[in-house]
Protein backbone atom coordinates (compact mmCIF):
# COMPACT_ATOMS: atom_id res chain seq x y z
CA UNK A 1 0.00 0.00 0.00
CA UNK A 2 1.18 3.49 -0.84
CA UNK A 3 0.52 6.67 1.09
CA UNK A 4 0.18 9.68 -1.21
CA UNK A 5 0.55 13.25 0.06
CA UNK A 6 -2.76 15.07 -0.22
CA UNK A 7 -4.72 11.83 -0.69
CA UNK A 8 -6.48 10.37 2.36
CA UNK A 9 -6.80 6.70 1.33
CA UNK A 10 -3.97 4.22 0.84
CA UNK A 11 -3.40 3.13 -2.75
CA UNK A 12 -2.82 -0.52 -3.61
CA UNK A 13 0.18 -1.37 -5.83
CA UNK A 14 -2.13 -2.73 -8.54
CA UNK A 15 -3.66 0.75 -8.87
CA UNK A 16 -0.30 2.48 -9.33
CA UNK A 17 1.74 3.03 -12.47
CA UNK A 18 5.29 1.88 -11.75
CA UNK A 19 7.97 3.55 -13.89
CA UNK A 20 11.54 2.29 -13.74
CA UNK A 21 14.04 5.04 -13.04
CA UNK A 22 17.22 3.05 -13.76
CA UNK A 23 17.40 -0.55 -14.88
CA UNK A 24 20.12 -2.74 -16.34
CA UNK A 25 17.82 -5.50 -17.54
CA UNK A 26 14.59 -3.58 -18.24
CA UNK A 27 12.72 -5.54 -15.57
CA UNK A 28 14.24 -4.85 -12.17
CA UNK A 29 14.80 -1.19 -11.28
CA UNK A 30 17.53 0.13 -9.02
CA UNK A 31 17.54 3.24 -6.88
CA UNK A 32 19.07 6.50 -8.04
CA UNK A 33 21.70 6.24 -5.30
CA UNK A 34 22.65 2.68 -6.29
CA UNK A 35 22.96 3.77 -9.92
CA UNK A 36 25.12 6.76 -8.88
CA UNK A 37 27.34 4.48 -6.76
CA UNK A 38 27.89 2.10 -9.68
CA UNK A 39 28.52 4.97 -12.11
CA UNK A 40 31.06 6.66 -9.83
CA UNK A 41 32.80 3.33 -9.22
CA UNK A 42 33.11 2.77 -12.96
CA UNK A 43 34.45 6.30 -13.46
CA UNK A 44 37.04 5.80 -10.71
CA UNK A 45 38.17 2.47 -12.16
CA UNK A 46 38.39 3.98 -15.67
CA UNK A 47 40.53 6.87 -14.44
CA UNK A 48 42.87 4.50 -12.59
CA UNK A 49 43.25 2.33 -15.71
CA UNK A 50 43.90 5.35 -17.95
CA UNK A 51 46.45 6.77 -15.48
CA UNK A 52 48.38 3.48 -15.47
CA UNK A 53 48.20 3.21 -19.26
CA UNK A 54 49.59 6.70 -19.85
CA UNK A 55 52.13 6.39 -17.03
CA UNK A 56 53.52 3.36 -18.90
CA UNK A 57 53.99 5.47 -22.04
CA UNK A 58 50.70 4.36 -23.63
CA UNK A 59 52.44 1.28 -24.96
CA UNK A 60 50.58 -1.93 -25.48
CA UNK A 61 52.38 -5.11 -24.57
CA UNK A 62 51.65 -8.64 -25.62
CA UNK A 63 52.28 -11.36 -28.15
CA UNK A 64 50.01 -12.07 -31.08
CA UNK A 65 50.05 -15.60 -32.46
CA UNK A 66 48.28 -16.75 -35.60
CA UNK A 67 48.08 -20.06 -37.38
CA UNK A 68 49.66 -20.18 -40.80
CA UNK A 69 52.55 -18.46 -42.54
CA UNK A 70 53.11 -15.14 -44.26
CA UNK A 71 52.95 -15.02 -48.04
CA UNK A 72 56.20 -14.01 -49.80
CA UNK A 73 54.81 -10.53 -50.64
CA UNK A 74 53.84 -10.02 -46.97
CA UNK A 75 57.40 -10.87 -45.92
CA UNK A 76 58.72 -8.30 -48.45
CA UNK A 77 56.38 -5.65 -47.00
CA UNK A 78 57.77 -6.32 -43.49
CA UNK A 79 61.38 -6.02 -44.72
CA UNK A 80 60.59 -2.73 -46.47
CA UNK A 81 59.13 -1.07 -43.39
């Protein structure tokens, strides 16, 4: 039951229109404060990741492996560059 300001009787949930404020699945809503907490956490994590990336010279590190071999013209292109 809902109590509405300026309305004497209690209103049953079936007689209310429920509008989702924030939802990640379109079914279950979350509060504005919960959404803000998640958004600020994501922003903080993104800033920390970006700071580490740029502190390291913005260089990507890793090894890329593929199956197969380069064609002769691809090998020539690598030698030329």
